[in-house]
Amino acid sequence: MAPATRQLPPLVPGLLAGALSAPAGAQLPLTIEALLVSEHRLTATLGSSRGSHREPALRPGPQGPTLAWHELTVEQSSLGLRYGLTPRLELNARYERSSLRRELDGQFTATGTGERLVLGANWLAARGVAGSLLLDARVAALGRPLGSGDGWQRATRGSLGATWYRPLDPVVLSLAARYQREAPVAGAAGRRRPGALFSADAAVNFAVNDRVTLIGGFGLSRREPDRIARRAIGGTRLRSSVDLGLAVGPWAGGTLFLRGRLPLGAAESGGALSLELLQTF
């Protein structure tokens, strides 16, 4: 489903049972049911995640550049609301708070915090025997980006996404793609324009029963280089990962979702873990 920079939407039991072209009596995975809130239903979510990324880098030295390890650790907490306006349209809002820690060869180098208010909408654009297509749009209407010296800003981030899914009882196959841009931020070296991010995810969602769903998938992302004064900083970054997850409905109206992401590649290490609790009203 969604990449590490973009978490899977909260889990909402029973919301697409009438919208999908599944066989009669089919049990939909909780992750697919979470893509769109039912009409006139309100859901609240509380989430927490922690992720780290470690990769080699060149550090200047008196004898020339030397190999070093650069590590980033990001922690995020969020609180959100989602409302089903029509059978095909959902409006949502989410407050996020993030903290960042940077290290070089195990030595602390920098830290920072950020906040943003994200507004969005999900729209079920098509459904049929070949599958269903969901489109979504997100904008950080107000935010204080990580590492920015500008304080609070408007429209700090925006993204467009599409998710295709097809039920094959009790399994649902899904493909998701996303394009994301961020507003320029002020830093010590000047005004930095973050590069565009493209991501794609393929997943298999297996409904063990109406209260347990297992998820496995593979993700790819491509990040364009950041720019300062129109000059590229670094190069294009390509990353791949394996995603594993578990969704459980421990009580009526509540769903707990646990997801992990492991990077692939000999030169990278780290990973991410997220926990999300949803309550439907």
Protein backbone atom coordinates (compact mmCIF):
# COMPACT_ATOMS: atom_id res chain seq x y z
CA MET A 1 0.00 0.00 0.00
CA ALA A 2 1.42 3.40 1.01
CA PRO A 3 5.22 4.24 1.29
CA ALA A 4 7.28 5.06 4.63
CA THR A 5 6.92 8.75 3.93
CA ARG A 6 3.22 7.99 3.19
CA GLN A 7 1.61 5.53 5.93
CA LEU A 8 -1.29 3.27 5.12
CA PRO A 9 -4.69 4.93 5.81
CA PRO A 10 -6.42 4.07 9.13
CA LEU A 11 -8.47 0.87 9.27
CA VAL A 12 -12.25 1.15 9.07
CA PRO A 13 -14.23 -2.13 9.36
CA GLY A 14 -16.99 -2.75 6.84
CA LEU A 15 -16.80 0.40 4.74
CA LEU A 16 -16.43 -0.94 1.20
CA ALA A 17 -18.54 -4.09 1.42
CA GLY A 18 -21.11 -2.64 -0.97
CA ALA A 19 -18.67 -0.75 -3.19
CA LEU A 20 -16.31 -3.52 -4.29
CA SER A 21 -17.08 -6.09 -6.94
CA ALA A 22 -16.28 -8.99 -4.61
CA PRO A 23 -18.12 -12.33 -4.81
CA ALA A 24 -21.12 -12.81 -2.53
CA GLY A 25 -20.00 -13.66 0.98
CA ALA A 26 -16.38 -12.61 0.34
CA GLN A 27 -14.41 -11.38 3.36
CA LEU A 28 -12.53 -8.17 2.57
CA PRO A 29 -9.16 -7.52 4.27
CA LEU A 30 -9.26 -4.71 6.83
CA THR A 31 -6.54 -2.83 4.92
CA ILE A 32 -8.72 -2.59 1.79
CA GLU A 33 -11.78 -1.67 3.82
CA ALA A 34 -9.70 1.23 5.22
CA LEU A 35 -9.33 3.02 1.90
CA LEU A 36 -12.66 4.86 2.09
CA VAL A 37 -14.92 5.76 5.02
CA SER A 38 -18.60 4.83 4.70
CA GLU A 39 -21.17 7.55 4.02
CA HIS A 40 -22.04 9.68 7.09
CA ARG A 41 -19.54 7.81 9.28
CA LEU A 42 -16.85 9.50 11.38
CA THR A 43 -13.59 7.80 12.33
CA ALA A 44 -10.76 8.98 14.60
CA THR A 45 -7.18 7.71 14.44
CA LEU A 46 -4.18 7.87 16.73
CA GLY A 47 -0.80 6.82 15.32
CA SER A 48 2.87 6.60 16.20
CA SER A 49 5.88 5.59 14.10
CA ARG A 50 9.66 5.41 14.26
CA GLY A 51 11.99 4.99 11.30
CA SER A 52 15.72 5.10 10.67
CA HIS A 53 17.91 5.12 7.59
CA ARG A 54 21.64 4.45 7.46
CA GLU A 55 23.81 4.84 4.37
CA PRO A 56 27.48 5.48 3.47
CA ALA A 57 28.69 9.04 2.86
CA LEU A 58 31.97 10.83 2.17
CA ARG A 59 33.30 13.06 4.97
CA PRO A 60 36.03 15.66 4.24
CA GLY A 61 39.33 15.15 6.07
CA PRO A 62 42.94 16.44 6.12
CA GLN A 63 44.06 13.49 3.99
CA GLY A 64 41.06 13.72 1.66
CA PRO A 65 37.51 12.37 1.81
CA THR A 66 36.92 9.32 4.01
CA LEU A 67 34.01 6.88 4.17
CA ALA A 68 31.52 7.56 6.97
CA TRP A 69 28.05 6.39 7.95
CA HIS A 70 25.19 8.87 7.97
CA GLU A 71 22.10 7.92 10.00
CA LEU A 72 18.71 9.63 10.22
CA THR A 73 16.08 8.76 12.82
CA VAL A 74 12.54 10.16 12.55
CA GLU A 75 9.75 9.75 15.10
CA GLN A 76 6.19 10.84 14.32
CA SER A 77 2.87 10.98 16.15
CA SER A 78 -0.50 11.87 14.60
CA LEU A 79 -4.16 12.45 15.39
CA GLY A 80 -6.75 12.42 12.61
CA LEU A 81 -10.43 12.54 11.68
CA ARG A 82 -12.11 11.10 8.56
CA TYR A 83 -15.69 11.62 7.39
CA GLY A 84 -17.64 9.88 4.60
CA LEU A 85 -19.41 12.66 2.71
CA THR A 86 -20.95 10.39 0.03
CA PRO A 87 -20.62 6.68 -0.82
CA ARG A 88 -17.63 7.56 -3.03
CA LEU A 89 -16.10 10.64 -1.36
CA GLU A 90 -14.29 11.02 1.95
CA LEU A 91 -12.85 14.18 3.55
CA ASN A 92 -10.10 13.95 6.16
CA ALA A 93 -7.79 16.01 8.37
CA ARG A 94 -4.72 15.02 10.38
CA TYR A 95 -2.30 16.76 12.76
CA GLU A 96 1.27 15.41 12.68
CA ARG A 97 4.29 16.12 14.87
CA SER A 98 7.77 14.86 13.91
CA SER A 99 11.25 14.87 15.40
CA LEU A 100 14.53 14.25 13.55
CA ARG A 101 17.96 13.21 14.78
CA ARG A 102 21.10 13.11 12.59
CA GLU A 103 24.31 11.21 13.36
CA LEU A 104 27.60 10.76 11.51
CA ASP A 105 29.67 7.71 12.50
CA GLY A 106 27.66 7.47 15.71
CA GLN A 107 28.29 11.10 16.65
CA PHE A 108 25.32 13.45 17.09
CA THR A 109 25.28 16.23 14.48
CA ALA A 110 21.80 17.82 14.50
CA THR A 111 18.22 17.56 15.66
CA GLY A 112 14.93 19.23 14.82
CA THR A 113 11.15 19.11 15.13
CA GLY A 114 8.30 19.80 12.77
CA GLU A 115 4.49 20.00 12.73
CA ARG A 116 1.80 20.14 10.08
CA LEU A 117 -1.95 20.09 9.54
CA VAL A 118 -2.82 17.87 6.57
CA LEU A 119 -6.14 18.15 4.71
CA GLY A 120 -7.22 15.63 2.09
CA ALA A 121 -9.88 13.74 0.21
CA ASN A 122 -10.35 10.18 -1.12
CA TRP A 123 -12.53 9.50 -4.16
CA LEU A 124 -13.62 6.10 -5.50
CA ALA A 125 -13.27 6.90 -9.22
CA ALA A 126 -14.12 3.50 -10.72
CA ARG A 127 -15.23 0.00 -9.75
CA GLY A 128 -15.86 -3.14 -11.75
CA VAL A 129 -14.97 -6.77 -12.39
CA ALA A 130 -11.37 -5.84 -13.28
CA GLY A 131 -10.92 -4.00 -9.99
CA SER A 132 -11.55 -0.64 -8.35
CA LEU A 133 -9.60 2.62 -8.54
CA LEU A 134 -9.29 5.07 -5.66
CA LEU A 135 -7.76 8.55 -6.12
CA ASP A 136 -6.59 10.79 -3.28
CA ALA A 137 -5.10 14.25 -2.76
CA ARG A 138 -3.30 15.64 0.31
CA VAL A 139 -2.00 19.11 1.20
CA ALA A 140 -0.20 20.26 4.34
CA ALA A 141 -2.27 23.44 4.64
CA LEU A 142 -0.17 24.76 7.54
CA GLY A 143 3.14 23.48 8.77
CA ARG A 144 6.58 23.98 10.26
CA PRO A 145 8.87 21.69 8.22
CA LEU A 146 11.74 19.72 9.75
CA GLY A 147 14.98 21.67 9.51
CA SER A 148 13.28 24.91 8.43
CA GLY A 149 14.17 28.32 9.87
CA ASP A 150 11.07 30.01 8.47
CA GLY A 151 8.65 29.02 11.25
CA TRP A 152 5.04 28.25 10.34
CA GLN A 153 4.23 28.27 6.62
CA ARG A 154 1.25 27.65 4.35
CA ALA A 155 1.06 24.77 1.86
CA THR A 156 4.34 23.10 2.89
CA ARG A 157 3.65 19.76 1.14
CA GLY A 158 1.27 18.28 -1.42
CA SER A 159 0.73 14.84 -2.93
CA LEU A 160 -1.47 12.95 -5.38
CA GLY A 161 -2.06 9.20 -5.16
CA ALA A 162 -3.87 6.36 -6.88
CA THR A 163 -4.66 2.85 -5.61
CA TRP A 164 -5.99 -0.05 -7.69
CA TYR A 165 -7.26 -3.17 -5.94
CA ARG A 166 -8.97 -6.41 -6.98
CA PRO A 167 -10.64 -8.94 -4.65
CA LEU A 168 -9.88 -12.65 -5.15
CA ASP A 169 -11.58 -14.02 -2.02
CA PRO A 170 -10.02 -14.18 0.58
CA VAL A 171 -7.08 -12.26 -0.97
CA VAL A 172 -7.05 -8.74 -2.39
CA LEU A 173 -4.25 -7.58 -4.70
CA SER A 174 -3.38 -3.89 -4.63
CA LEU A 175 -1.10 -1.47 -6.49
CA ALA A 176 -0.49 2.09 -5.30
CA ALA A 177 1.45 5.04 -6.74
CA ARG A 178 2.15 8.52 -5.32
CA TYR A 179 3.75 11.80 -6.42
CA GLN A 180 4.83 14.26 -3.69
CA ARG A 181 6.32 17.77 -3.66
CA GLU A 182 7.48 19.95 -0.77
CA ALA A 183 7.81 23.72 -0.48
CA PRO A 184 11.32 25.29 -0.24
CA VAL A 185 12.78 25.62 3.27
CA ALA A 186 15.38 28.02 4.67
CA GLY A 187 18.59 26.51 6.06
CA ALA A 188 22.13 27.44 7.09
CA ALA A 189 23.41 26.89 3.53
CA GLY A 190 20.59 28.86 1.89
CA ARG A 191 17.08 28.23 0.64
CA ARG A 192 16.72 24.53 -0.20
CA ARG A 193 14.13 23.18 -2.64
CA PRO A 194 13.38 19.50 -1.84
CA GLY A 195 13.29 17.12 -4.79
CA ALA A 196 10.12 15.45 -6.00
CA LEU A 197 9.32 11.98 -4.63
CA PHE A 198 7.77 9.17 -6.71
CA SER A 199 6.73 5.91 -5.03
CA ALA A 200 5.01 2.66 -5.97
CA ASP A 201 3.84 -0.23 -3.80
CA ALA A 202 2.44 -3.68 -4.56
CA ALA A 203 0.76 -5.70 -1.81
CA VAL A 204 -1.14 -8.90 -1.07
CA ASN A 205 -3.81 -8.50 1.62
CA PHE A 206 -5.07 -11.77 3.17
CA ALA A 207 -8.19 -11.86 5.36
CA VAL A 208 -7.66 -14.65 7.92
CA ASN A 209 -11.15 -13.84 9.27
CA ASP A 210 -13.29 -10.76 9.90
CA ARG A 211 -10.95 -9.59 12.70
CA VAL A 212 -7.45 -10.45 11.42
CA THR A 213 -5.67 -9.40 8.20
CA LEU A 214 -2.12 -10.22 7.11
CA ILE A 215 -0.23 -7.94 4.69
CA GLY A 216 2.89 -8.48 2.62
CA GLY A 217 4.29 -6.26 -0.10
CA PHE A 218 7.16 -4.61 -1.95
CA GLY A 219 7.88 -0.90 -2.38
CA LEU A 220 9.98 1.29 -4.68
CA SER A 221 10.74 5.01 -4.39
CA ARG A 222 12.68 7.57 -6.43
CA ARG A 223 13.73 10.89 -4.90
CA GLU A 224 15.05 13.71 -7.08
CA PRO A 225 18.03 15.66 -5.64
CA ASP A 226 17.41 18.74 -3.50
CA ARG A 227 18.56 22.06 -4.97
CA ILE A 228 20.12 25.22 -3.52
CA ALA A 229 20.38 28.18 -5.90
CA ARG A 230 19.34 25.79 -8.72
CA ARG A 231 22.36 23.54 -8.06
CA ALA A 232 21.68 19.88 -7.29
CA ILE A 233 22.78 18.63 -3.87
CA GLY A 234 23.70 14.96 -4.24
CA GLY A 235 22.07 12.69 -6.78
CA THR A 236 18.83 10.85 -7.44
CA ARG A 237 18.06 8.29 -4.73
CA LEU A 238 16.44 4.95 -5.55
CA ARG A 239 15.23 2.77 -2.69
CA SER A 240 13.35 -0.52 -2.35
CA SER A 241 11.79 -2.23 0.63
CA VAL A 242 9.77 -5.19 1.89
CA ASP A 243 6.59 -4.43 3.86
CA LEU A 244 4.92 -6.70 6.41
CA GLY A 245 1.87 -5.95 8.50
CA LEU A 246 -0.94 -7.17 10.73
CA ALA A 247 -4.40 -5.68 11.31
CA VAL A 248 -6.55 -6.80 14.25
CA GLY A 249 -10.07 -5.81 15.36
CA PRO A 250 -9.83 -6.32 19.16
CA TRP A 251 -13.27 -4.84 19.96
CA ALA A 252 -16.39 -3.55 18.23
CA GLY A 253 -15.63 -0.35 16.33
CA GLY A 254 -11.88 -0.51 17.05
CA THR A 255 -8.98 -1.65 14.89
CA LEU A 256 -5.28 -1.92 15.67
CA PHE A 257 -2.75 -1.87 12.84
CA LEU A 258 0.96 -2.80 13.08
CA ARG A 259 3.26 -2.39 10.10
CA GLY A 260 7.00 -2.80 9.47
CA ARG A 261 9.23 -1.83 6.55
CA LEU A 262 12.69 -3.27 5.84
CA PRO A 263 14.97 -1.65 3.23
CA LEU A 264 16.68 -3.75 0.56
CA GLY A 265 20.24 -3.12 -0.65
CA ALA A 266 23.72 -3.92 0.62
CA ALA A 267 24.59 -0.24 1.19
CA GLU A 268 21.52 0.61 3.30
CA SER A 269 20.13 -0.44 6.65
CA GLY A 270 17.47 0.69 9.09
CA GLY A 271 13.72 0.30 8.74
CA ALA A 272 10.44 1.62 10.10
CA LEU A 273 7.75 0.48 12.50
CA SER A 274 4.30 2.06 12.90
CA LEU A 275 1.35 1.46 15.21
CA GLU A 276 -2.12 2.89 14.61
CA LEU A 277 -5.36 2.71 16.58
CA LEU A 278 -8.72 3.58 15.01
CA GLN A 279 -12.14 4.07 16.55
CA THR A 280 -15.30 4.25 14.43
CA PHE A 281 -18.31 6.25 15.63
